[in-house]
PDB file of all heavy atoms in Angstrom:
ATOM      1  N   LYS A   1     -38.549  -0.924  -9.460  1.00  0.00           N
ATOM      2  CA  LYS A   1     -39.675  -1.853  -9.801  1.00  0.00           C
ATOM      3  C   LYS A   1     -40.719  -1.149 -10.600  1.00  0.00           C
ATOM      4  O   LYS A   1     -40.722   0.052 -10.827  1.00  0.00           O
ATOM      5  CB  LYS A   1     -40.226  -2.443  -8.484  1.00  0.00           C
ATOM      6  CG  LYS A   1     -39.186  -3.230  -7.721  1.00  0.00           C
ATOM      7  CD  LYS A   1     -39.721  -3.632  -6.346  1.00  0.00           C
ATOM      8  CE  LYS A   1     -40.845  -4.573  -6.483  1.00  0.00           C
ATOM      9  NZ  LYS A   1     -41.326  -5.048  -5.137  1.00  0.00           N
ATOM     10  N   ASP A   2     -41.691  -1.940 -11.008  1.00  0.00           N
ATOM     11  CA  ASP A   2     -42.782  -1.377 -11.827  1.00  0.00           C
ATOM     12  C   ASP A   2     -43.571  -0.325 -11.085  1.00  0.00           C
ATOM     13  O   ASP A   2     -44.085   0.632 -11.699  1.00  0.00           O
ATOM     14  CB  ASP A   2     -43.763  -2.497 -12.246  1.00  0.00           C
ATOM     15  CG  ASP A   2     -43.064  -3.498 -13.160  1.00  0.00           C
ATOM     16  OD1 ASP A   2     -42.040  -3.109 -13.806  1.00  0.00           O
ATOM     17  OD2 ASP A   2     -43.491  -4.646 -13.275  1.00  0.00           O
ATOM     18  N   ASP A   3     -43.670  -0.445  -9.782  1.00  0.00           N
ATOM     19  CA  ASP A   3     -44.439   0.548  -9.013  1.00  0.00           C
ATOM     20  C   ASP A   3     -43.590   1.787  -8.661  1.00  0.00           C
ATOM     21  O   ASP A   3     -43.984   2.670  -7.932  1.00  0.00           O
ATOM     22  CB  ASP A   3     -44.977  -0.017  -7.736  1.00  0.00           C
ATOM     23  CG  ASP A   3     -43.858  -0.708  -6.874  1.00  0.00           C
ATOM     24  OD1 ASP A   3     -42.690  -0.581  -7.281  1.00  0.00           O
ATOM     25  OD2 ASP A   3     -44.190  -1.318  -5.819  1.00  0.00           O
ATOM     26  N   GLY A   4     -42.342   1.856  -9.246  1.00  0.00           N
ATOM     27  CA  GLY A   4     -41.502   3.024  -9.054  1.00  0.00           C
ATOM     28  C   GLY A   4     -40.621   2.982  -7.803  1.00  0.00           C
ATOM     29  O   GLY A   4     -39.846   3.904  -7.546  1.00  0.00           O
ATOM     30  N   VAL A   5     -40.734   1.938  -7.024  1.00  0.00           N
ATOM     31  CA  VAL A   5     -39.924   1.789  -5.791  1.00  0.00           C
ATOM     32  C   VAL A   5     -38.594   1.183  -6.116  1.00  0.00           C
ATOM     33  O   VAL A   5     -38.580   0.138  -6.790  1.00  0.00           O
ATOM     34  CB  VAL A   5     -40.683   1.003  -4.701  1.00  0.00           C
ATOM     35  CG1 VAL A   5     -39.826   0.830  -3.481  1.00  0.00           C
ATOM     36  CG2 VAL A   5     -42.014   1.652  -4.365  1.00  0.00           C
ATOM     37  N   GLN A   6     -37.462   1.760  -5.616  1.00  0.00           N
ATOM     38  CA  GLN A   6     -36.143   1.151  -5.822  1.00  0.00           C
ATOM     39  C   GLN A   6     -35.898   0.057  -4.849  1.00  0.00           C
ATOM     40  O   GLN A   6     -36.209   0.179  -3.660  1.00  0.00           O
ATOM     41  CB  GLN A   6     -35.065   2.241  -5.701  1.00  0.00           C
ATOM     42  CG  GLN A   6     -35.043   3.233  -6.863  1.00  0.00           C
ATOM     43  CD  GLN A   6     -33.840   4.120  -6.800  1.00  0.00           C
ATOM     44  OE1 GLN A   6     -33.335   4.386  -5.758  1.00  0.00           O
ATOM     45  NE2 GLN A   6     -33.414   4.596  -7.966  1.00  0.00           N
ATOM     46  N   GLN A   7     -35.306  -1.010  -5.305  1.00  0.00           N
ATOM     47  CA  GLN A   7     -35.051  -2.206  -4.514  1.00  0.00           C
ATOM     48  C   GLN A   7     -33.614  -2.636  -4.659  1.00  0.00           C
ATOM     49  O   GLN A   7     -33.034  -2.556  -5.782  1.00  0.00           O
ATOM     50  CB  GLN A   7     -36.015  -3.320  -4.862  1.00  0.00           C
ATOM     51  CG  GLN A   7     -35.837  -4.563  -3.973  1.00  0.00           C
ATOM     52  CD  GLN A   7     -36.878  -5.625  -4.326  1.00  0.00           C
ATOM     53  OE1 GLN A   7     -37.858  -5.377  -5.073  1.00  0.00           O
ATOM     54  NE2 GLN A   7     -36.695  -6.824  -3.814  1.00  0.00           N
ATOM     55  N   LEU A   8     -32.999  -3.134  -3.552  1.00  0.00           N
ATOM     56  CA  LEU A   8     -31.616  -3.629  -3.583  1.00  0.00           C
ATOM     57  C   LEU A   8     -31.595  -4.866  -4.465  1.00  0.00           C
ATOM     58  O   LEU A   8     -32.260  -5.868  -4.208  1.00  0.00           O
ATOM     59  CB  LEU A   8     -31.137  -3.956  -2.178  1.00  0.00           C
ATOM     60  CG  LEU A   8     -29.722  -4.505  -2.084  1.00  0.00           C
ATOM     61  CD1 LEU A   8     -28.685  -3.471  -2.497  1.00  0.00           C
ATOM     62  CD2 LEU A   8     -29.442  -5.059  -0.655  1.00  0.00           C
ATOM     63  N   ALA A   9     -30.765  -4.787  -5.509  1.00  0.00           N
ATOM     64  CA  ALA A   9     -30.652  -5.925  -6.420  1.00  0.00           C
ATOM     65  C   ALA A   9     -29.407  -6.714  -6.150  1.00  0.00           C
ATOM     66  O   ALA A   9     -29.336  -7.931  -6.450  1.00  0.00           O
ATOM     67  CB  ALA A   9     -30.620  -5.402  -7.878  1.00  0.00           C
ATOM     68  N   GLY A  10     -28.371  -6.102  -5.578  1.00  0.00           N
ATOM     69  CA  GLY A  10     -27.150  -6.806  -5.293  1.00  0.00           C
ATOM     70  C   GLY A  10     -26.014  -5.809  -4.968  1.00  0.00           C
ATOM     71  O   GLY A  10     -26.305  -4.694  -4.528  1.00  0.00           O
ATOM     72  N   ALA A  11     -24.790  -6.218  -5.204  1.00  0.00           N
ATOM     73  CA  ALA A  11     -23.638  -5.359  -4.965  1.00  0.00           C
ATOM     74  C   ALA A  11     -22.596  -5.539  -6.018  1.00  0.00           C
ATOM     75  O   ALA A  11     -22.489  -6.630  -6.611  1.00  0.00           O
ATOM     76  CB  ALA A  11     -23.072  -5.673  -3.567  1.00  0.00           C
ATOM     77  N   ILE A  12     -21.848  -4.483  -6.213  1.00  0.00           N
ATOM     78  CA  ILE A  12     -20.725  -4.512  -7.159  1.00  0.00           C
ATOM     79  C   ILE A  12     -19.429  -4.342  -6.376  1.00  0.00           C
ATOM     80  O   ILE A  12     -19.327  -3.365  -5.544  1.00  0.00           O
ATOM     81  CB  ILE A  12     -20.867  -3.416  -8.235  1.00  0.00           C
ATOM     82  CG1 ILE A  12     -22.166  -3.569  -8.995  1.00  0.00           C
ATOM     83  CG2 ILE A  12     -19.691  -3.454  -9.181  1.00  0.00           C
ATOM     84  CD1 ILE A  12     -22.423  -2.482  -9.972  1.00  0.00           C
ATOM     85  N   PHE A  13     -18.452  -5.221  -6.556  1.00  0.00           N
ATOM     86  CA  PHE A  13     -17.206  -5.159  -5.850  1.00  0.00           C
ATOM     87  C   PHE A  13     -16.054  -4.959  -6.820  1.00  0.00           C
ATOM     88  O   PHE A  13     -16.062  -5.502  -7.951  1.00  0.00           O
ATOM     89  CB  PHE A  13     -16.998  -6.453  -5.077  1.00  0.00           C
ATOM     90  CG  PHE A  13     -17.951  -6.664  -3.938  1.00  0.00           C
ATOM     91  CD1 PHE A  13     -19.115  -7.395  -4.123  1.00  0.00           C
ATOM     92  CD2 PHE A  13     -17.669  -6.124  -2.702  1.00  0.00           C
ATOM     93  CE1 PHE A  13     -20.004  -7.601  -3.099  1.00  0.00           C
ATOM     94  CE2 PHE A  13     -18.581  -6.310  -1.679  1.00  0.00           C
ATOM     95  CZ  PHE A  13     -19.733  -7.040  -1.873  1.00  0.00           C
ATOM     96  N   ALA A  14     -15.068  -4.219  -6.342  1.00  0.00           N
ATOM     97  CA  ALA A  14     -13.800  -4.023  -7.098  1.00  0.00           C
ATOM     98  C   ALA A  14     -12.687  -4.409  -6.097  1.00  0.00           C
ATOM     99  O   ALA A  14     -12.607  -3.829  -5.001  1.00  0.00           O
ATOM    100  CB  ALA A  14     -13.657  -2.634  -7.625  1.00  0.00           C
ATOM    101  N   ALA A  15     -11.855  -5.364  -6.492  1.00  0.00           N
ATOM    102  CA  ALA A  15     -10.789  -5.869  -5.569  1.00  0.00           C
ATOM    103  C   ALA A  15      -9.469  -5.809  -6.301  1.00  0.00           C
ATOM    104  O   ALA A  15      -9.394  -6.223  -7.475  1.00  0.00           O
ATOM    105  CB  ALA A  15     -11.126  -7.244  -5.102  1.00  0.00           C
ATOM    106  N   THR A  16      -8.452  -5.324  -5.617  1.00  0.00           N
ATOM    107  CA  THR A  16      -7.129  -5.287  -6.209  1.00  0.00           C
ATOM    108  C   THR A  16      -6.115  -5.809  -5.191  1.00  0.00           C
ATOM    109  O   THR A  16      -6.243  -5.595  -3.986  1.00  0.00           O
ATOM    110  CB  THR A  16      -6.750  -3.837  -6.587  1.00  0.00           C
ATOM    111  OG1 THR A  16      -5.461  -3.840  -7.182  1.00  0.00           O
ATOM    112  CG2 THR A  16      -6.666  -2.915  -5.373  1.00  0.00           C
ATOM    113  N   SER A  17      -5.156  -6.566  -5.689  1.00  0.00           N
ATOM    114  CA  SER A  17      -4.134  -7.174  -4.851  1.00  0.00           C
ATOM    115  C   SER A  17      -3.174  -6.105  -4.335  1.00  0.00           C
ATOM    116  O   SER A  17      -2.848  -5.186  -5.035  1.00  0.00           O
ATOM    117  CB  SER A  17      -3.405  -8.243  -5.624  1.00  0.00           C
ATOM    118  OG  SER A  17      -2.353  -8.769  -4.826  1.00  0.00           O
ATOM    119  N   ASP A  18      -2.754  -6.279  -3.101  1.00  0.00           N
ATOM    120  CA  ASP A  18      -1.754  -5.372  -2.514  1.00  0.00           C
ATOM    121  C   ASP A  18      -0.364  -5.915  -2.664  1.00  0.00           C
ATOM    122  O   ASP A  18       0.569  -5.460  -2.009  1.00  0.00           O
ATOM    123  CB  ASP A  18      -2.060  -5.061  -1.089  1.00  0.00           C
ATOM    124  CG  ASP A  18      -2.076  -6.268  -0.162  1.00  0.00           C
ATOM    125  OD1 ASP A  18      -1.857  -7.433  -0.696  1.00  0.00           O
ATOM    126  OD2 ASP A  18      -2.320  -6.110   1.036  1.00  0.00           O
ATOM    127  N   THR A  19      -0.193  -6.935  -3.519  1.00  0.00           N
ATOM    128  CA  THR A  19       1.148  -7.520  -3.732  1.00  0.00           C
ATOM    129  C   THR A  19       2.114  -6.490  -4.313  1.00  0.00           C
ATOM    130  O   THR A  19       3.267  -6.356  -3.858  1.00  0.00           O
ATOM    131  CB  THR A  19       1.067  -8.751  -4.672  1.00  0.00           C
ATOM    132  OG1 THR A  19       0.211  -9.693  -4.114  1.00  0.00           O
ATOM    133  CG2 THR A  19       2.439  -9.330  -4.885  1.00  0.00           C
ATOM    134  N   PHE A  20       1.567  -5.722  -5.282  1.00  0.00           N
ATOM    135  CA  PHE A  20       2.416  -4.671  -5.908  1.00  0.00           C
ATOM    136  C   PHE A  20       2.851  -3.674  -4.842  1.00  0.00           C
ATOM    137  O   PHE A  20       3.992  -3.203  -4.778  1.00  0.00           O
ATOM    138  CB  PHE A  20       1.669  -3.991  -7.044  1.00  0.00           C
ATOM    139  CG  PHE A  20       2.405  -2.789  -7.610  1.00  0.00           C
ATOM    140  CD1 PHE A  20       3.492  -3.013  -8.471  1.00  0.00           C
ATOM    141  CD2 PHE A  20       2.005  -1.525  -7.238  1.00  0.00           C
ATOM    142  CE1 PHE A  20       4.160  -1.913  -8.972  1.00  0.00           C
ATOM    143  CE2 PHE A  20       2.716  -0.433  -7.759  1.00  0.00           C
ATOM    144  CZ  PHE A  20       3.798  -0.607  -8.621  1.00  0.00           C
ATOM    145  N   TYR A  21       1.869  -3.301  -3.950  1.00  0.00           N
ATOM    146  CA  TYR A  21       2.197  -2.336  -2.899  1.00  0.00           C
ATOM    147  C   TYR A  21       3.230  -2.914  -1.948  1.00  0.00           C
ATOM    148  O   TYR A  21       4.178  -2.215  -1.570  1.00  0.00           O
ATOM    149  CB  TYR A  21       0.934  -1.948  -2.130  1.00  0.00           C
ATOM    150  CG  TYR A  21       1.241  -1.225  -0.844  1.00  0.00           C
ATOM    151  CD1 TYR A  21       1.751   0.095  -0.931  1.00  0.00           C
ATOM    152  CD2 TYR A  21       1.108  -1.810   0.408  1.00  0.00           C
ATOM    153  CE1 TYR A  21       2.048   0.785   0.251  1.00  0.00           C
ATOM    154  CE2 TYR A  21       1.414  -1.144   1.536  1.00  0.00           C
ATOM    155  CZ  TYR A  21       1.902   0.148   1.455  1.00  0.00           C
ATOM    156  OH  TYR A  21       2.245   0.807   2.626  1.00  0.00           O
ATOM    157  N   ARG A  22       3.049  -4.199  -1.556  1.00  0.00           N
ATOM    158  CA  ARG A  22       4.038  -4.827  -0.680  1.00  0.00           C
ATOM    159  C   ARG A  22       5.425  -4.865  -1.304  1.00  0.00           C
ATOM    160  O   ARG A  22       6.442  -4.609  -0.655  1.00  0.00           O
ATOM    161  CB  ARG A  22       3.597  -6.212  -0.288  1.00  0.00           C
ATOM    162  CG  ARG A  22       2.422  -6.248   0.666  1.00  0.00           C
ATOM    163  CD  ARG A  22       2.282  -7.569   1.354  1.00  0.00           C
ATOM    164  NE  ARG A  22       2.077  -8.671   0.382  1.00  0.00           N
ATOM    165  CZ  ARG A  22       0.885  -9.074  -0.036  1.00  0.00           C
ATOM    166  NH1 ARG A  22      -0.237  -8.511   0.410  1.00  0.00           N
ATOM    167  NH2 ARG A  22       0.775 -10.056  -0.913  1.00  0.00           N
ATOM    168  N   GLN A  23       5.479  -5.144  -2.609  1.00  0.00           N
ATOM    169  CA  GLN A  23       6.769  -5.120  -3.305  1.00  0.00           C
ATOM    170  C   GLN A  23       7.371  -3.710  -3.306  1.00  0.00           C
ATOM    171  O   GLN A  23       8.563  -3.524  -3.057  1.00  0.00           O
ATOM    172  CB  GLN A  23       6.598  -5.642  -4.736  1.00  0.00           C
ATOM    173  CG  GLN A  23       6.266  -7.114  -4.817  1.00  0.00           C
ATOM    174  CD  GLN A  23       5.978  -7.570  -6.231  1.00  0.00           C
ATOM    175  OE1 GLN A  23       5.863  -6.713  -7.145  1.00  0.00           O
ATOM    176  NE2 GLN A  23       5.811  -8.863  -6.410  1.00  0.00           N
ATOM    177  N   TYR A  24       6.518  -2.754  -3.594  1.00  0.00           N
ATOM    178  CA  TYR A  24       6.986  -1.371  -3.567  1.00  0.00           C
ATOM    179  C   TYR A  24       7.431  -0.974  -2.165  1.00  0.00           C
ATOM    180  O   TYR A  24       8.486  -0.305  -2.005  1.00  0.00           O
ATOM    181  CB  TYR A  24       5.847  -0.450  -4.063  1.00  0.00           C
ATOM    182  CG  TYR A  24       6.071   1.006  -3.764  1.00  0.00           C
ATOM    183  CD1 TYR A  24       6.968   1.780  -4.466  1.00  0.00           C
ATOM    184  CD2 TYR A  24       5.360   1.599  -2.711  1.00  0.00           C
ATOM    185  CE1 TYR A  24       7.152   3.112  -4.166  1.00  0.00           C
ATOM    186  CE2 TYR A  24       5.549   2.951  -2.400  1.00  0.00           C
ATOM    187  CZ  TYR A  24       6.462   3.711  -3.152  1.00  0.00           C
ATOM    188  OH  TYR A  24       6.663   4.984  -2.841  1.00  0.00           O
ATOM    189  N   LEU A  25       6.618  -1.401  -1.177  1.00  0.00           N
ATOM    190  CA  LEU A  25       6.979  -1.083   0.196  1.00  0.00           C
ATOM    191  C   LEU A  25       8.311  -1.725   0.613  1.00  0.00           C
ATOM    192  O   LEU A  25       9.119  -1.059   1.243  1.00  0.00           O
ATOM    193  CB  LEU A  25       5.864  -1.541   1.129  1.00  0.00           C
ATOM    194  CG  LEU A  25       5.983  -1.147   2.608  1.00  0.00           C
ATOM    195  CD1 LEU A  25       5.835   0.377   2.741  1.00  0.00           C
ATOM    196  CD2 LEU A  25       4.850  -1.802   3.448  1.00  0.00           C
ATOM    197  N   MET A  26       8.532  -2.979   0.231  1.00  0.00           N
ATOM    198  CA  MET A  26       9.770  -3.625   0.567  1.00  0.00           C
ATOM    199  C   MET A  26      10.942  -2.968  -0.111  1.00  0.00           C
ATOM    200  O   MET A  26      12.048  -2.819   0.437  1.00  0.00           O
ATOM    201  CB  MET A  26       9.695  -5.117   0.206  1.00  0.00           C
ATOM    202  CG  MET A  26       8.719  -5.915   1.052  1.00  0.00           C
ATOM    203  SD  MET A  26       8.988  -5.734   2.841  1.00  0.00           S
ATOM    204  CE  MET A  26      10.617  -6.424   2.998  1.00  0.00           C
ATOM    205  N   SER A  27      10.751  -2.529  -1.371  1.00  0.00           N
ATOM    206  CA  SER A  27      11.830  -1.849  -2.069  1.00  0.00           C
ATOM    207  C   SER A  27      12.168  -0.527  -1.357  1.00  0.00           C
ATOM    208  O   SER A  27      13.323  -0.158  -1.181  1.00  0.00           O
ATOM    209  CB  SER A  27      11.436  -1.578  -3.535  1.00  0.00           C
ATOM    210  OG  SER A  27      11.205  -2.787  -4.197  1.00  0.00           O
ATOM    211  N   THR A  28      11.078   0.197  -1.026  1.00  0.00           N
ATOM    212  CA  THR A  28      11.301   1.434  -0.321  1.00  0.00           C
ATOM    213  C   THR A  28      12.004   1.195   1.030  1.00  0.00           C
ATOM    214  O   THR A  28      12.892   1.944   1.428  1.00  0.00           O
ATOM    215  CB  THR A  28       9.950   2.191  -0.072  1.00  0.00           C
ATOM    216  OG1 THR A  28       9.275   2.289  -1.329  1.00  0.00           O
ATOM    217  CG2 THR A  28      10.138   3.501   0.586  1.00  0.00           C
ATOM    218  N   LEU A  29      11.569   0.121   1.718  1.00  0.00           N
ATOM    219  CA  LEU A  29      12.168  -0.174   3.006  1.00  0.00           C
ATOM    220  C   LEU A  29      13.625  -0.528   2.852  1.00  0.00           C
ATOM    221  O   LEU A  29      14.467  -0.139   3.696  1.00  0.00           O
ATOM    222  CB  LEU A  29      11.393  -1.337   3.678  1.00  0.00           C
ATOM    223  CG  LEU A  29      11.821  -1.718   5.078  1.00  0.00           C
ATOM    224  CD1 LEU A  29      11.563  -0.518   6.020  1.00  0.00           C
ATOM    225  CD2 LEU A  29      11.015  -2.905   5.623  1.00  0.00           C
ATOM    226  N   ASP A  30      13.960  -1.278   1.793  1.00  0.00           N
ATOM    227  CA  ASP A  30      15.387  -1.644   1.560  1.00  0.00           C
ATOM    228  C   ASP A  30      16.226  -0.363   1.344  1.00  0.00           C
ATOM    229  O   ASP A  30      17.328  -0.248   1.895  1.00  0.00           O
ATOM    230  CB  ASP A  30      15.482  -2.524   0.346  1.00  0.00           C
ATOM    231  CG  ASP A  30      14.937  -3.938   0.623  1.00  0.00           C
ATOM    232  OD1 ASP A  30      14.796  -4.304   1.827  1.00  0.00           O
ATOM    233  OD2 ASP A  30      14.598  -4.663  -0.345  1.00  0.00           O
ATOM    234  N   ILE A  31      15.679   0.552   0.514  1.00  0.00           N
ATOM    235  CA  ILE A  31      16.386   1.803   0.286  1.00  0.00           C
ATOM    236  C   ILE A  31      16.575   2.573   1.598  1.00  0.00           C
ATOM    237  O   ILE A  31      17.644   3.139   1.861  1.00  0.00           O
ATOM    238  CB  ILE A  31      15.658   2.633  -0.808  1.00  0.00           C
ATOM    239  CG1 ILE A  31      15.663   1.900  -2.120  1.00  0.00           C
ATOM    240  CG2 ILE A  31      16.277   4.030  -0.916  1.00  0.00           C
ATOM    241  CD1 ILE A  31      14.843   2.588  -3.170  1.00  0.00           C
ATOM    242  N   PHE A  32      15.459   2.596   2.387  1.00  0.00           N
ATOM    243  CA  PHE A  32      15.545   3.331   3.656  1.00  0.00           C
ATOM    244  C   PHE A  32      16.567   2.700   4.593  1.00  0.00           C
ATOM    245  O   PHE A  32      17.279   3.426   5.300  1.00  0.00           O
ATOM    246  CB  PHE A  32      14.133   3.352   4.295  1.00  0.00           C
ATOM    247  CG  PHE A  32      14.092   4.055   5.644  1.00  0.00           C
ATOM    248  CD1 PHE A  32      14.095   5.427   5.707  1.00  0.00           C
ATOM    249  CD2 PHE A  32      14.073   3.280   6.821  1.00  0.00           C
ATOM    250  CE1 PHE A  32      14.078   6.045   6.934  1.00  0.00           C
ATOM    251  CE2 PHE A  32      14.079   3.920   8.026  1.00  0.00           C
ATOM    252  CZ  PHE A  32      14.073   5.305   8.100  1.00  0.00           C
ATOM    253  N   ILE A  33      16.606   1.357   4.652  1.00  0.00           N
ATOM    254  CA  ILE A  33      17.538   0.691   5.545  1.00  0.00           C
ATOM    255  C   ILE A  33      18.990   1.003   5.115  1.00  0.00           C
ATOM    256  O   ILE A  33      19.861   1.250   5.954  1.00  0.00           O
ATOM    257  CB  ILE A  33      17.275  -0.811   5.586  1.00  0.00           C
ATOM    258  CG1 ILE A  33      15.946  -1.099   6.263  1.00  0.00           C
ATOM    259  CG2 ILE A  33      18.445  -1.537   6.275  1.00  0.00           C
ATOM    260  CD1 ILE A  33      15.522  -2.561   6.240  1.00  0.00           C
ATOM    261  N   ILE A  34      19.232   0.945   3.805  1.00  0.00           N
ATOM    262  CA  ILE A  34      20.619   1.224   3.331  1.00  0.00           C
ATOM    263  C   ILE A  34      20.984   2.660   3.624  1.00  0.00           C
ATOM    264  O   ILE A  34      22.078   2.940   4.154  1.00  0.00           O
ATOM    265  CB  ILE A  34      20.693   0.951   1.824  1.00  0.00           C
ATOM    266  CG1 ILE A  34      20.507  -0.551   1.537  1.00  0.00           C
ATOM    267  CG2 ILE A  34      22.053   1.444   1.274  1.00  0.00           C
ATOM    268  CD1 ILE A  34      20.433  -0.905   0.078  1.00  0.00           C
ATOM    269  N   ALA A  35      20.061   3.587   3.330  1.00  0.00           N
ATOM    270  CA  ALA A  35      20.321   4.992   3.617  1.00  0.00           C
ATOM    271  C   ALA A  35      20.526   5.233   5.109  1.00  0.00           C
ATOM    272  O   ALA A  35      21.372   6.019   5.545  1.00  0.00           O
ATOM    273  CB  ALA A  35      19.187   5.863   3.051  1.00  0.00           C
ATOM    274  N   SER A  36      19.718   4.555   5.914  1.00  0.00           N
ATOM    275  CA  SER A  36      19.815   4.714   7.355  1.00  0.00           C
ATOM    276  C   SER A  36      21.112   4.209   7.863  1.00  0.00           C
ATOM    277  O   SER A  36      21.713   4.751   8.765  1.00  0.00           O
ATOM    278  CB  SER A  36      18.615   3.993   8.036  1.00  0.00           C
ATOM    279  OG  SER A  36      17.394   4.555   7.673  1.00  0.00           O
ATOM    280  N   ALA A  37      21.550   3.012   7.313  1.00  0.00           N
ATOM    281  CA  ALA A  37      22.793   2.443   7.725  1.00  0.00           C
ATOM    282  C   ALA A  37      23.955   3.410   7.448  1.00  0.00           C
ATOM    283  O   ALA A  37      24.863   3.566   8.307  1.00  0.00           O
ATOM    284  CB  ALA A  37      23.031   1.084   7.031  1.00  0.00           C
ATOM    285  N   VAL A  38      23.938   4.028   6.288  1.00  0.00           N
ATOM    286  CA  VAL A  38      25.012   4.957   5.913  1.00  0.00           C
ATOM    287  C   VAL A  38      24.966   6.152   6.883  1.00  0.00           C
ATOM    288  O   VAL A  38      25.996   6.583   7.444  1.00  0.00           O
ATOM    289  CB  VAL A  38      24.885   5.386   4.457  1.00  0.00           C
ATOM    290  CG1 VAL A  38      25.903   6.492   4.143  1.00  0.00           C
ATOM    291  CG2 VAL A  38      25.079   4.221   3.555  1.00  0.00           C
ATOM    292  N   THR A  39      23.781   6.758   7.014  1.00  0.00           N
ATOM    293  CA  THR A  39      23.678   7.952   7.841  1.00  0.00           C
ATOM    294  C   THR A  39      23.919   7.639   9.334  1.00  0.00           C
ATOM    295  O   THR A  39      24.509   8.463  10.043  1.00  0.00           O
ATOM    296  CB  THR A  39      22.278   8.574   7.683  1.00  0.00           C
ATOM    297  OG1 THR A  39      21.284   7.576   7.969  1.00  0.00           O
ATOM    298  CG2 THR A  39      22.066   9.105   6.304  1.00  0.00           C
ATOM    299  N   LEU A  40      23.529   6.428   9.753  1.00  0.00           N
ATOM    300  CA  LEU A  40      23.833   6.050  11.145  1.00  0.00           C
ATOM    301  C   LEU A  40      25.342   5.877  11.365  1.00  0.00           C
ATOM    302  O   LEU A  40      25.870   6.243  12.416  1.00  0.00           O
ATOM    303  CB  LEU A  40      23.108   4.716  11.485  1.00  0.00           C
ATOM    304  CG  LEU A  40      21.670   4.842  11.911  1.00  0.00           C
ATOM    305  CD1 LEU A  40      21.038   3.474  12.057  1.00  0.00           C
ATOM    306  CD2 LEU A  40      21.517   5.636  13.223  1.00  0.00           C
ATOM    307  N   THR A  41      26.046   5.349  10.376  1.00  0.00           N
ATOM    308  CA  THR A  41      27.495   5.219  10.462  1.00  0.00           C
ATOM    309  C   THR A  41      28.152   6.598  10.603  1.00  0.00           C
ATOM    310  O   THR A  41      29.005   6.838  11.407  1.00  0.00           O
ATOM    311  CB  THR A  41      28.041   4.477   9.259  1.00  0.00           C
ATOM    312  OG1 THR A  41      27.446   3.189   9.175  1.00  0.00           O
ATOM    313  CG2 THR A  41      29.543   4.292   9.381  1.00  0.00           C
ATOM    314  N   ILE A  42      27.681   7.515   9.707  1.00  0.00           N
ATOM    315  CA  ILE A  42      28.191   8.888   9.763  1.00  0.00           C
ATOM    316  C   ILE A  42      27.834   9.536  11.101  1.00  0.00           C
ATOM    317  O   ILE A  42      28.667  10.209  11.730  1.00  0.00           O
ATOM    318  CB  ILE A  42      27.640   9.710   8.600  1.00  0.00           C
ATOM    319  CG1 ILE A  42      28.125   9.120   7.268  1.00  0.00           C
ATOM    320  CG2 ILE A  42      28.058  11.175   8.729  1.00  0.00           C
ATOM    321  CD1 ILE A  42      27.489   9.766   6.044  1.00  0.00           C
ATOM    322  N   SER A  43      26.560   9.322  11.533  1.00  0.00           N
ATOM    323  CA  SER A  43      26.138   9.852  12.854  1.00  0.00           C
ATOM    324  C   SER A  43      27.001   9.297  13.959  1.00  0.00           C
ATOM    325  O   SER A  43      27.354  10.015  14.917  1.00  0.00           O
ATOM    326  CB  SER A  43      24.672   9.595  13.054  1.00  0.00           C
ATOM    327  OG  SER A  43      23.871  10.203  12.067  1.00  0.00           O
ATOM    328  N   PHE A  44      27.287   8.002  13.864  1.00  0.00           N
ATOM    329  CA  PHE A  44      28.096   7.346  14.895  1.00  0.00           C
ATOM    330  C   PHE A  44      29.471   8.008  15.009  1.00  0.00           C
ATOM    331  O   PHE A  44      29.914   8.351  16.134  1.00  0.00           O
ATOM    332  CB  PHE A  44      28.232   5.876  14.534  1.00  0.00           C
ATOM    333  CG  PHE A  44      29.055   5.083  15.545  1.00  0.00           C
ATOM    334  CD1 PHE A  44      28.463   4.429  16.600  1.00  0.00           C
ATOM    335  CD2 PHE A  44      30.455   4.970  15.354  1.00  0.00           C
ATOM    336  CE1 PHE A  44      29.231   3.708  17.493  1.00  0.00           C
ATOM    337  CE2 PHE A  44      31.218   4.251  16.278  1.00  0.00           C
ATOM    338  CZ  PHE A  44      30.574   3.623  17.355  1.00  0.00           C
ATOM    339  N   ILE A  45      30.075   8.255  13.863  1.00  0.00           N
ATOM    340  CA  ILE A  45      31.435   8.882  13.842  1.00  0.00           C
ATOM    341  C   ILE A  45      31.333  10.351  14.386  1.00  0.00           C
ATOM    342  O   ILE A  45      32.145  10.747  15.233  1.00  0.00           O
ATOM    343  CB  ILE A  45      32.014   8.855  12.445  1.00  0.00           C
ATOM    344  CG1 ILE A  45      32.250   7.387  11.998  1.00  0.00           C
ATOM    345  CG2 ILE A  45      33.342   9.600  12.387  1.00  0.00           C
ATOM    346  CD1 ILE A  45      32.632   7.235  10.563  1.00  0.00           C
ATOM    347  N   VAL A  46      30.335  11.095  13.891  1.00  0.00           N
ATOM    348  CA  VAL A  46      30.226  12.483  14.256  1.00  0.00           C
ATOM    349  C   VAL A  46      29.914  12.616  15.775  1.00  0.00           C
ATOM    350  O   VAL A  46      30.499  13.384  16.493  1.00  0.00           O
ATOM    351  CB  VAL A  46      29.131  13.155  13.452  1.00  0.00           C
ATOM    352  CG1 VAL A  46      28.817  14.574  13.970  1.00  0.00           C
ATOM    353  CG2 VAL A  46      29.539  13.283  11.990  1.00  0.00           C
TER     354      VAL A  46
END
């Protein structure tokens, strides 16, 4: 302000969707499930 005192004027927000992360997570989960199924089958036999 004119008298040199700082005053709250508002806020600035940055928002990003986690859809991409969820897609990445689901892809990673699919790969993990497939790998787990294969290794579990091998583990089952061993």
